Amino acid sequence: MEEGTATQAVDAAKVQQTADAAGNNAQSLPAGGSRTYTEQELDQRIKARIDKQNAKHAAEMEGIRSELEQLKAEKAKSDGLVEELRKRADRDAMVAKVTAATGIDAGALAGDTEEELMAAAERVRASVHQRGRVSNTGASASGNPRGPKDEFASFMAQNFNH
C-alpha cells in the first residue's frame, strides 16, 4: 500500500506542475489567446525543425549507404559464383565433345581447353594401344594368347611394381 501512495503523490505533483505551467502560459498570452513571434524566434524554430529533419535524413541515408555496400559485396560474390559455374559448364561441354569424338572416358581426360583434352585423350589412347587391349575372347588385341588374369597381372606389375 505504501508503494501505491508514493505513486499517487508523484502523479499529483506532476498534475500540479502541469497546471502551474498552463497557468504561467495563460498569464503570458495576450487577452486574445495568441502570441506574436519575432522574426528571430520564427527563424530559430524553423532552423531547429530543419536541423532535426536533416539529422533524421542523414541517419536514414547512412543506413541506405551501408545496405548498398552490403548488396554490392553480395553481388560481387554471386557474380564470381556464376562465372565459376559458366567455366565448369564450358569445360563439361568440351569434355563431352572430346569423349564423343574419341571414345575415351571423361574421367581419364585432364585439361581446360579442347586442345588439352584432345591431347590427354591421345595419350590415353596411345597408352592403351601400347599395352594391348583385352578382347572378348580372352586374347589381347595384339594376338597374345594370354588371358585377362595375365593381362591384369602384367598391368599391375608395369604400373605399381618398380
N, C-alpha and C. Protein backbone atom coordinates (compact mmCIF):
# COMPACT_ATOMS: atom_id res chain seq x y z
N MET A 1 0.81 -1.19 0.00
CA MET A 1 0.00 0.00 0.00
C MET A 1 0.85 1.26 0.00
N GLU A 2 1.99 1.24 0.70
CA GLU A 2 2.85 2.42 0.75
C GLU A 2 3.35 2.77 -0.65
N GLU A 3 3.62 1.75 -1.45
CA GLU A 3 4.10 1.98 -2.80
C GLU A 3 3.04 2.69 -3.63
N GLY A 4 1.82 2.30 -3.52
CA GLY A 4 0.72 2.93 -4.23
C GLY A 4 0.53 4.38 -3.80
N THR A 5 0.71 4.66 -2.54
CA THR A 5 0.58 6.02 -2.02
C THR A 5 1.68 6.91 -2.58
N ALA A 6 2.91 6.38 -2.67
CA ALA A 6 4.03 7.15 -3.22
C ALA A 6 3.79 7.46 -4.69
N THR A 7 3.25 6.50 -5.43
CA THR A 7 2.97 6.72 -6.84
C THR A 7 1.89 7.78 -7.01
N GLN A 8 0.89 7.74 -6.15
CA GLN A 8 -0.18 8.73 -6.22
C GLN A 8 0.36 10.12 -5.92
N ALA A 9 1.30 10.22 -4.99
CA ALA A 9 1.87 11.52 -4.63
C ALA A 9 2.68 12.08 -5.80
N VAL A 10 3.44 11.21 -6.45
CA VAL A 10 4.22 11.65 -7.61
C VAL A 10 3.29 12.10 -8.72
N ASP A 11 2.23 11.33 -8.98
CA ASP A 11 1.26 11.70 -10.01
C ASP A 11 0.59 13.04 -9.69
N ALA A 12 0.27 13.26 -8.44
CA ALA A 12 -0.37 14.51 -8.03
C ALA A 12 0.58 15.68 -8.24
N ALA A 13 1.86 15.47 -7.95
CA ALA A 13 2.84 16.54 -8.14
C ALA A 13 2.97 16.88 -9.62
N LYS A 14 2.94 15.85 -10.48
CA LYS A 14 3.03 16.09 -11.92
C LYS A 14 1.82 16.87 -12.42
N VAL A 15 0.66 16.54 -11.91
CA VAL A 15 -0.56 17.24 -12.31
C VAL A 15 -0.46 18.71 -11.89
N GLN A 16 0.04 18.96 -10.67
CA GLN A 16 0.16 20.34 -10.18
C GLN A 16 1.15 21.13 -11.04
N GLN A 17 2.30 20.46 -11.40
CA GLN A 17 3.30 21.14 -12.23
C GLN A 17 2.71 21.50 -13.60
N THR A 18 1.94 20.58 -14.16
CA THR A 18 1.31 20.82 -15.45
C THR A 18 0.32 21.97 -15.36
N ALA A 19 -0.43 22.02 -14.30
CA ALA A 19 -1.40 23.10 -14.10
C ALA A 19 -0.69 24.43 -13.93
N ASP A 20 0.42 24.41 -13.16
CA ASP A 20 1.18 25.64 -12.96
C ASP A 20 1.75 26.13 -14.28
N ALA A 21 2.26 25.21 -15.08
CA ALA A 21 2.83 25.60 -16.37
C ALA A 21 1.74 26.16 -17.28
N ALA A 22 0.59 25.56 -17.26
CA ALA A 22 -0.51 26.04 -18.08
C ALA A 22 -0.94 27.43 -17.61
N GLY A 23 -0.94 27.63 -16.30
CA GLY A 23 -1.31 28.94 -15.75
C GLY A 23 -0.29 30.00 -16.14
N ASN A 24 0.98 29.64 -16.11
CA ASN A 24 2.03 30.59 -16.48
C ASN A 24 1.90 30.96 -17.95
N ASN A 25 1.62 29.95 -18.78
CA ASN A 25 1.46 30.23 -20.21
C ASN A 25 0.24 31.11 -20.45
N ALA A 26 -0.80 30.86 -19.68
CA ALA A 26 -2.01 31.64 -19.85
C ALA A 26 -1.77 33.09 -19.46
N GLN A 27 -0.93 33.26 -18.43
CA GLN A 27 -0.64 34.62 -17.99
C GLN A 27 0.20 35.35 -19.04
N SER A 28 1.10 34.61 -19.72
CA SER A 28 1.99 35.27 -20.66
C SER A 28 1.31 35.55 -21.99
N LEU A 29 0.18 34.91 -22.25
CA LEU A 29 -0.53 35.13 -23.50
C LEU A 29 -1.36 36.40 -23.42
N PRO A 30 -1.47 37.09 -24.52
CA PRO A 30 -2.35 38.27 -24.52
C PRO A 30 -3.81 37.85 -24.38
N ALA A 31 -4.67 38.79 -24.22
CA ALA A 31 -6.08 38.52 -23.98
C ALA A 31 -6.72 37.71 -25.10
N GLY A 32 -6.26 37.83 -26.33
CA GLY A 32 -6.83 37.11 -27.47
C GLY A 32 -6.43 35.64 -27.50
N GLY A 33 -5.47 35.20 -26.72
CA GLY A 33 -5.06 33.81 -26.65
C GLY A 33 -3.99 33.42 -27.65
N SER A 34 -3.48 34.34 -28.42
CA SER A 34 -2.42 34.01 -29.35
C SER A 34 -1.22 34.89 -29.06
N ARG A 35 -0.07 34.40 -29.46
CA ARG A 35 1.18 35.10 -29.18
C ARG A 35 1.79 35.52 -30.50
N THR A 36 2.44 36.65 -30.52
CA THR A 36 3.13 37.13 -31.69
C THR A 36 4.61 36.80 -31.53
N TYR A 37 5.20 36.19 -32.55
CA TYR A 37 6.61 35.81 -32.51
C TYR A 37 7.41 36.81 -33.33
N THR A 38 8.63 37.02 -32.86
CA THR A 38 9.52 37.89 -33.63
C THR A 38 10.10 37.08 -34.79
N GLU A 39 10.66 37.78 -35.74
CA GLU A 39 11.27 37.09 -36.89
C GLU A 39 12.42 36.20 -36.44
N GLN A 40 13.17 36.64 -35.47
CA GLN A 40 14.29 35.85 -34.95
C GLN A 40 13.78 34.56 -34.30
N GLU A 41 12.70 34.65 -33.52
CA GLU A 41 12.12 33.46 -32.88
C GLU A 41 11.61 32.47 -33.94
N LEU A 42 10.97 32.98 -34.95
CA LEU A 42 10.48 32.10 -36.03
C LEU A 42 11.65 31.44 -36.76
N ASP A 43 12.68 32.24 -37.04
CA ASP A 43 13.86 31.68 -37.71
C ASP A 43 14.49 30.57 -36.88
N GLN A 44 14.56 30.77 -35.56
CA GLN A 44 15.14 29.75 -34.68
C GLN A 44 14.30 28.48 -34.68
N ARG A 45 12.99 28.63 -34.62
CA ARG A 45 12.11 27.46 -34.62
C ARG A 45 12.21 26.70 -35.96
N ILE A 46 12.21 27.46 -37.04
CA ILE A 46 12.30 26.83 -38.37
C ILE A 46 13.64 26.13 -38.52
N LYS A 47 14.71 26.80 -38.09
CA LYS A 47 16.05 26.20 -38.18
C LYS A 47 16.12 24.92 -37.34
N ALA A 48 15.53 24.94 -36.16
CA ALA A 48 15.54 23.76 -35.29
C ALA A 48 14.81 22.59 -35.98
N ARG A 49 13.68 22.88 -36.59
CA ARG A 49 12.94 21.82 -37.30
C ARG A 49 13.72 21.29 -38.50
N ILE A 50 14.33 22.19 -39.24
CA ILE A 50 15.14 21.77 -40.41
C ILE A 50 16.33 20.94 -39.96
N ASP A 51 17.00 21.37 -38.89
CA ASP A 51 18.15 20.61 -38.38
C ASP A 51 17.72 19.23 -37.91
N LYS A 52 16.57 19.15 -37.28
CA LYS A 52 16.05 17.85 -36.81
C LYS A 52 15.77 16.93 -38.01
N GLN A 53 15.13 17.47 -39.05
CA GLN A 53 14.84 16.68 -40.25
C GLN A 53 16.12 16.28 -40.97
N ASN A 54 17.09 17.20 -41.04
CA ASN A 54 18.37 16.88 -41.68
C ASN A 54 19.08 15.75 -40.95
N ALA A 55 19.07 15.78 -39.64
CA ALA A 55 19.71 14.73 -38.84
C ALA A 55 19.00 13.39 -39.09
N LYS A 56 17.68 13.43 -39.14
CA LYS A 56 16.90 12.21 -39.39
C LYS A 56 17.24 11.64 -40.77
N HIS A 57 17.27 12.51 -41.78
CA HIS A 57 17.56 12.06 -43.14
C HIS A 57 19.01 11.60 -43.28
N ALA A 58 19.92 12.23 -42.57
CA ALA A 58 21.32 11.81 -42.62
C ALA A 58 21.47 10.40 -42.06
N ALA A 59 20.78 10.12 -40.98
CA ALA A 59 20.82 8.77 -40.41
C ALA A 59 20.21 7.75 -41.37
N GLU A 60 19.11 8.11 -42.00
CA GLU A 60 18.48 7.21 -42.98
C GLU A 60 19.41 6.96 -44.16
N MET A 61 20.07 8.02 -44.64
CA MET A 61 20.99 7.88 -45.77
C MET A 61 22.18 7.01 -45.41
N GLU A 62 22.67 7.14 -44.21
CA GLU A 62 23.80 6.30 -43.78
C GLU A 62 23.39 4.83 -43.77
N GLY A 63 22.18 4.56 -43.31
CA GLY A 63 21.67 3.19 -43.33
C GLY A 63 21.53 2.66 -44.75
N ILE A 64 21.05 3.50 -45.64
CA ILE A 64 20.89 3.11 -47.05
C ILE A 64 22.26 2.86 -47.68
N ARG A 65 23.22 3.74 -47.39
CA ARG A 65 24.58 3.55 -47.94
C ARG A 65 25.18 2.24 -47.46
N SER A 66 25.01 1.96 -46.18
CA SER A 66 25.54 0.72 -45.62
C SER A 66 24.90 -0.50 -46.29
N GLU A 67 23.60 -0.46 -46.46
CA GLU A 67 22.88 -1.55 -47.12
C GLU A 67 23.34 -1.71 -48.57
N LEU A 68 23.56 -0.57 -49.25
CA LEU A 68 24.03 -0.60 -50.63
C LEU A 68 25.40 -1.27 -50.72
N GLU A 69 26.30 -0.94 -49.83
CA GLU A 69 27.64 -1.55 -49.84
C GLU A 69 27.54 -3.06 -49.59
N GLN A 70 26.66 -3.45 -48.70
CA GLN A 70 26.46 -4.87 -48.42
C GLN A 70 25.92 -5.59 -49.65
N LEU A 71 24.96 -4.98 -50.32
CA LEU A 71 24.39 -5.57 -51.53
C LEU A 71 25.43 -5.66 -52.65
N LYS A 72 26.28 -4.64 -52.78
CA LYS A 72 27.34 -4.68 -53.79
C LYS A 72 28.29 -5.84 -53.51
N ALA A 73 28.64 -6.06 -52.25
CA ALA A 73 29.54 -7.17 -51.90
C ALA A 73 28.88 -8.51 -52.21
N GLU A 74 27.61 -8.64 -51.90
CA GLU A 74 26.88 -9.88 -52.20
C GLU A 74 26.80 -10.11 -53.71
N LYS A 75 26.59 -9.05 -54.47
CA LYS A 75 26.52 -9.18 -55.93
C LYS A 75 27.86 -9.62 -56.49
N ALA A 76 28.94 -9.05 -55.99
CA ALA A 76 30.27 -9.44 -56.47
C ALA A 76 30.53 -10.92 -56.18
N LYS A 77 30.12 -11.38 -55.03
CA LYS A 77 30.28 -12.79 -54.67
C LYS A 77 29.43 -13.66 -55.60
N SER A 78 28.20 -13.26 -55.85
CA SER A 78 27.31 -14.00 -56.75
C SER A 78 27.86 -14.02 -58.17
N ASP A 79 28.38 -12.89 -58.62
CA ASP A 79 28.97 -12.83 -59.97
C ASP A 79 30.13 -13.80 -60.09
N GLY A 80 30.94 -13.90 -59.04
CA GLY A 80 32.06 -14.84 -59.05
C GLY A 80 31.58 -16.28 -59.14
N LEU A 81 30.53 -16.60 -58.40
CA LEU A 81 29.99 -17.95 -58.44
C LEU A 81 29.40 -18.27 -59.81
N VAL A 82 28.71 -17.30 -60.40
CA VAL A 82 28.13 -17.50 -61.73
C VAL A 82 29.23 -17.74 -62.74
N GLU A 83 30.30 -16.98 -62.67
CA GLU A 83 31.42 -17.15 -63.60
C GLU A 83 32.06 -18.53 -63.43
N GLU A 84 32.22 -18.96 -62.20
CA GLU A 84 32.79 -20.28 -61.94
C GLU A 84 31.89 -21.38 -62.53
N LEU A 85 30.59 -21.24 -62.36
CA LEU A 85 29.65 -22.23 -62.92
C LEU A 85 29.69 -22.23 -64.44
N ARG A 86 29.83 -21.05 -65.04
CA ARG A 86 29.93 -20.98 -66.51
C ARG A 86 31.18 -21.70 -66.99
N LYS A 87 32.29 -21.49 -66.30
CA LYS A 87 33.53 -22.15 -66.69
C LYS A 87 33.39 -23.67 -66.58
N ARG A 88 32.77 -24.12 -65.50
CA ARG A 88 32.55 -25.57 -65.33
C ARG A 88 31.68 -26.12 -66.46
N ALA A 89 30.61 -25.40 -66.78
CA ALA A 89 29.70 -25.85 -67.84
C ALA A 89 30.43 -25.89 -69.19
N ASP A 90 31.24 -24.87 -69.46
CA ASP A 90 32.00 -24.85 -70.71
C ASP A 90 32.97 -26.03 -70.77
N ARG A 91 33.66 -26.30 -69.66
CA ARG A 91 34.60 -27.43 -69.63
C ARG A 91 33.85 -28.75 -69.79
N ASP A 92 32.72 -28.89 -69.11
CA ASP A 92 31.94 -30.13 -69.24
C ASP A 92 31.49 -30.34 -70.68
N ALA A 93 31.13 -29.26 -71.38
CA ALA A 93 30.72 -29.38 -72.79
C ALA A 93 31.91 -29.82 -73.65
N MET A 94 33.10 -29.25 -73.37
CA MET A 94 34.28 -29.66 -74.13
C MET A 94 34.64 -31.11 -73.86
N VAL A 95 34.55 -31.53 -72.60
CA VAL A 95 34.84 -32.93 -72.25
C VAL A 95 33.87 -33.86 -72.97
N ALA A 96 32.60 -33.49 -72.99
CA ALA A 96 31.60 -34.32 -73.68
C ALA A 96 31.92 -34.41 -75.17
N LYS A 97 32.33 -33.31 -75.76
CA LYS A 97 32.67 -33.30 -77.18
C LYS A 97 33.87 -34.20 -77.46
N VAL A 98 34.91 -34.11 -76.64
CA VAL A 98 36.12 -34.93 -76.83
C VAL A 98 35.80 -36.40 -76.58
N THR A 99 34.99 -36.67 -75.55
CA THR A 99 34.60 -38.05 -75.25
C THR A 99 33.83 -38.65 -76.42
N ALA A 100 32.93 -37.88 -76.99
CA ALA A 100 32.16 -38.37 -78.12
C ALA A 100 33.05 -38.61 -79.34
N ALA A 101 34.02 -37.75 -79.54
CA ALA A 101 34.89 -37.86 -80.71
C ALA A 101 35.92 -38.98 -80.57
N THR A 102 36.39 -39.23 -79.34
CA THR A 102 37.49 -40.18 -79.16
C THR A 102 37.08 -41.50 -78.53
N GLY A 103 35.95 -41.50 -77.83
CA GLY A 103 35.52 -42.71 -77.14
C GLY A 103 36.25 -42.92 -75.82
N ILE A 104 37.08 -41.97 -75.42
CA ILE A 104 37.81 -42.07 -74.15
C ILE A 104 36.91 -41.55 -73.03
N ASP A 105 36.91 -42.27 -71.91
CA ASP A 105 36.08 -41.91 -70.76
C ASP A 105 36.45 -40.52 -70.25
N ALA A 106 35.44 -39.74 -69.86
CA ALA A 106 35.65 -38.37 -69.40
C ALA A 106 36.54 -38.32 -68.16
N GLY A 107 36.49 -39.33 -67.31
CA GLY A 107 37.31 -39.37 -66.10
C GLY A 107 38.79 -39.46 -66.39
N ALA A 108 39.14 -39.93 -67.59
CA ALA A 108 40.55 -40.08 -67.95
C ALA A 108 41.10 -38.82 -68.60
N LEU A 109 40.28 -37.83 -68.81
CA LEU A 109 40.71 -36.62 -69.52
C LEU A 109 41.08 -35.52 -68.52
N ALA A 110 42.18 -34.84 -68.82
CA ALA A 110 42.62 -33.72 -67.99
C ALA A 110 42.93 -32.54 -68.90
N GLY A 111 42.56 -31.35 -68.48
CA GLY A 111 42.85 -30.16 -69.24
C GLY A 111 41.70 -29.19 -69.17
N ASP A 112 42.00 -27.94 -69.56
CA ASP A 112 40.99 -26.90 -69.50
C ASP A 112 40.57 -26.39 -70.88
N THR A 113 41.32 -26.74 -71.90
CA THR A 113 40.95 -26.33 -73.25
C THR A 113 40.68 -27.58 -74.07
N GLU A 114 40.03 -27.39 -75.20
CA GLU A 114 39.72 -28.54 -76.05
C GLU A 114 41.00 -29.20 -76.54
N GLU A 115 42.01 -28.40 -76.83
CA GLU A 115 43.29 -28.95 -77.29
C GLU A 115 43.94 -29.81 -76.21
N GLU A 116 43.92 -29.32 -74.96
CA GLU A 116 44.49 -30.09 -73.86
C GLU A 116 43.72 -31.40 -73.65
N LEU A 117 42.40 -31.33 -73.76
CA LEU A 117 41.58 -32.53 -73.59
C LEU A 117 41.85 -33.55 -74.70
N MET A 118 41.98 -33.05 -75.94
CA MET A 118 42.28 -33.96 -77.06
C MET A 118 43.66 -34.59 -76.88
N ALA A 119 44.63 -33.81 -76.42
CA ALA A 119 45.98 -34.35 -76.19
C ALA A 119 45.93 -35.42 -75.10
N ALA A 120 45.15 -35.19 -74.06
CA ALA A 120 45.01 -36.18 -72.98
C ALA A 120 44.36 -37.44 -73.53
N ALA A 121 43.36 -37.29 -74.37
CA ALA A 121 42.69 -38.45 -74.96
C ALA A 121 43.68 -39.25 -75.82
N GLU A 122 44.51 -38.54 -76.56
CA GLU A 122 45.50 -39.23 -77.41
C GLU A 122 46.53 -39.96 -76.54
N ARG A 123 46.93 -39.37 -75.42
CA ARG A 123 47.86 -40.04 -74.51
C ARG A 123 47.24 -41.32 -73.95
N VAL A 124 45.97 -41.24 -73.56
CA VAL A 124 45.28 -42.43 -73.04
C VAL A 124 45.18 -43.48 -74.14
N ARG A 125 44.81 -43.06 -75.31
CA ARG A 125 44.67 -44.00 -76.43
C ARG A 125 46.03 -44.66 -76.73
N ALA A 126 47.11 -43.89 -76.75
CA ALA A 126 48.44 -44.43 -77.03
C ALA A 126 48.85 -45.40 -75.93
N SER A 127 48.53 -45.06 -74.69
CA SER A 127 48.88 -45.94 -73.56
C SER A 127 48.14 -47.27 -73.66
N VAL A 128 46.87 -47.21 -74.04
CA VAL A 128 46.07 -48.43 -74.17
C VAL A 128 46.60 -49.27 -75.33
N HIS A 129 46.92 -48.65 -76.45
CA HIS A 129 47.44 -49.38 -77.61
C HIS A 129 48.80 -49.98 -77.31
N GLN A 130 49.60 -49.27 -76.54
CA GLN A 130 50.94 -49.75 -76.20
C GLN A 130 50.86 -51.01 -75.36
N ARG A 131 49.94 -51.08 -74.46
CA ARG A 131 49.81 -52.24 -73.58
C ARG A 131 49.02 -53.36 -74.25
N GLY A 132 48.19 -53.03 -75.20
CA GLY A 132 47.35 -54.02 -75.87
C GLY A 132 46.04 -54.16 -75.12
N ARG A 133 44.97 -54.20 -75.86
CA ARG A 133 43.65 -54.32 -75.26
C ARG A 133 43.30 -55.79 -75.07
N VAL A 134 42.46 -56.04 -74.08
CA VAL A 134 41.96 -57.39 -73.86
C VAL A 134 40.68 -57.52 -74.67
N SER A 135 40.59 -58.53 -75.49
CA SER A 135 39.39 -58.70 -76.31
C SER A 135 38.40 -59.59 -75.59
N ASN A 136 37.24 -59.76 -76.18
CA ASN A 136 36.19 -60.59 -75.59
C ASN A 136 36.59 -62.07 -75.56
N THR A 137 37.52 -62.49 -76.40
CA THR A 137 37.87 -63.90 -76.46
C THR A 137 38.90 -64.27 -75.42
N GLY A 138 39.45 -63.29 -74.73
CA GLY A 138 40.46 -63.61 -73.72
C GLY A 138 41.86 -63.37 -74.23
N ALA A 139 42.06 -63.18 -75.50
CA ALA A 139 43.38 -62.88 -76.04
C ALA A 139 43.49 -61.38 -76.20
N SER A 140 44.70 -60.89 -76.15
CA SER A 140 44.88 -59.45 -76.29
C SER A 140 44.70 -59.04 -77.74
N ALA A 141 44.50 -57.75 -77.96
CA ALA A 141 44.31 -57.25 -79.32
C ALA A 141 45.56 -57.44 -80.15
N SER A 142 46.71 -57.60 -79.52
CA SER A 142 47.96 -57.79 -80.27
C SER A 142 48.16 -59.25 -80.67
N GLY A 143 47.19 -60.11 -80.31
CA GLY A 143 47.29 -61.50 -80.70
C GLY A 143 47.95 -62.36 -79.63
N ASN A 144 48.30 -61.79 -78.52
CA ASN A 144 48.92 -62.53 -77.43
C ASN A 144 47.88 -63.47 -76.83
N PRO A 145 48.19 -64.77 -76.70
CA PRO A 145 47.21 -65.73 -76.20
C PRO A 145 46.98 -65.67 -74.70
N ARG A 146 47.54 -64.73 -74.03
CA ARG A 146 47.35 -64.65 -72.56
C ARG A 146 45.92 -64.26 -72.24
N GLY A 147 45.42 -64.64 -71.10
CA GLY A 147 44.06 -64.35 -70.68
C GLY A 147 43.96 -63.05 -69.89
N PRO A 148 42.75 -62.69 -69.49
CA PRO A 148 42.54 -61.45 -68.74
C PRO A 148 43.32 -61.40 -67.43
N LYS A 149 43.45 -62.52 -66.74
CA LYS A 149 44.20 -62.52 -65.49
C LYS A 149 45.66 -62.18 -65.75
N ASP A 150 46.21 -62.75 -66.82
CA ASP A 150 47.60 -62.47 -67.16
C ASP A 150 47.77 -61.00 -67.54
N GLU A 151 46.83 -60.47 -68.30
CA GLU A 151 46.89 -59.07 -68.70
C GLU A 151 46.84 -58.17 -67.47
N PHE A 152 45.96 -58.49 -66.53
CA PHE A 152 45.83 -57.68 -65.32
C PHE A 152 47.10 -57.75 -64.50
N ALA A 153 47.65 -58.95 -64.34
CA ALA A 153 48.90 -59.11 -63.58
C ALA A 153 50.03 -58.32 -64.24
N SER A 154 50.10 -58.36 -65.54
CA SER A 154 51.11 -57.62 -66.27
C SER A 154 50.92 -56.11 -66.08
N PHE A 155 49.70 -55.66 -66.16
CA PHE A 155 49.39 -54.25 -65.97
C PHE A 155 49.80 -53.79 -64.58
N MET A 156 49.47 -54.59 -63.57
CA MET A 156 49.81 -54.24 -62.19
C MET A 156 51.33 -54.20 -62.01
N ALA A 157 52.03 -55.16 -62.59
CA ALA A 157 53.49 -55.20 -62.47
C ALA A 157 54.12 -53.99 -63.15
N GLN A 158 53.60 -53.61 -64.30
CA GLN A 158 54.18 -52.49 -65.03
C GLN A 158 53.92 -51.15 -64.34
N ASN A 159 52.78 -51.03 -63.71
CA ASN A 159 52.41 -49.73 -63.17
C ASN A 159 52.66 -49.56 -61.68
N PHE A 160 52.72 -50.65 -60.92
CA PHE A 160 52.81 -50.49 -59.48
C PHE A 160 54.03 -51.17 -58.85
N ASN A 161 54.72 -52.01 -59.54
CA ASN A 161 55.93 -52.65 -59.01
C ASN A 161 57.14 -52.06 -59.71
N HIS A 162 57.90 -51.35 -58.99
CA HIS A 162 59.08 -50.71 -59.61
C HIS A 162 60.31 -51.45 -59.24
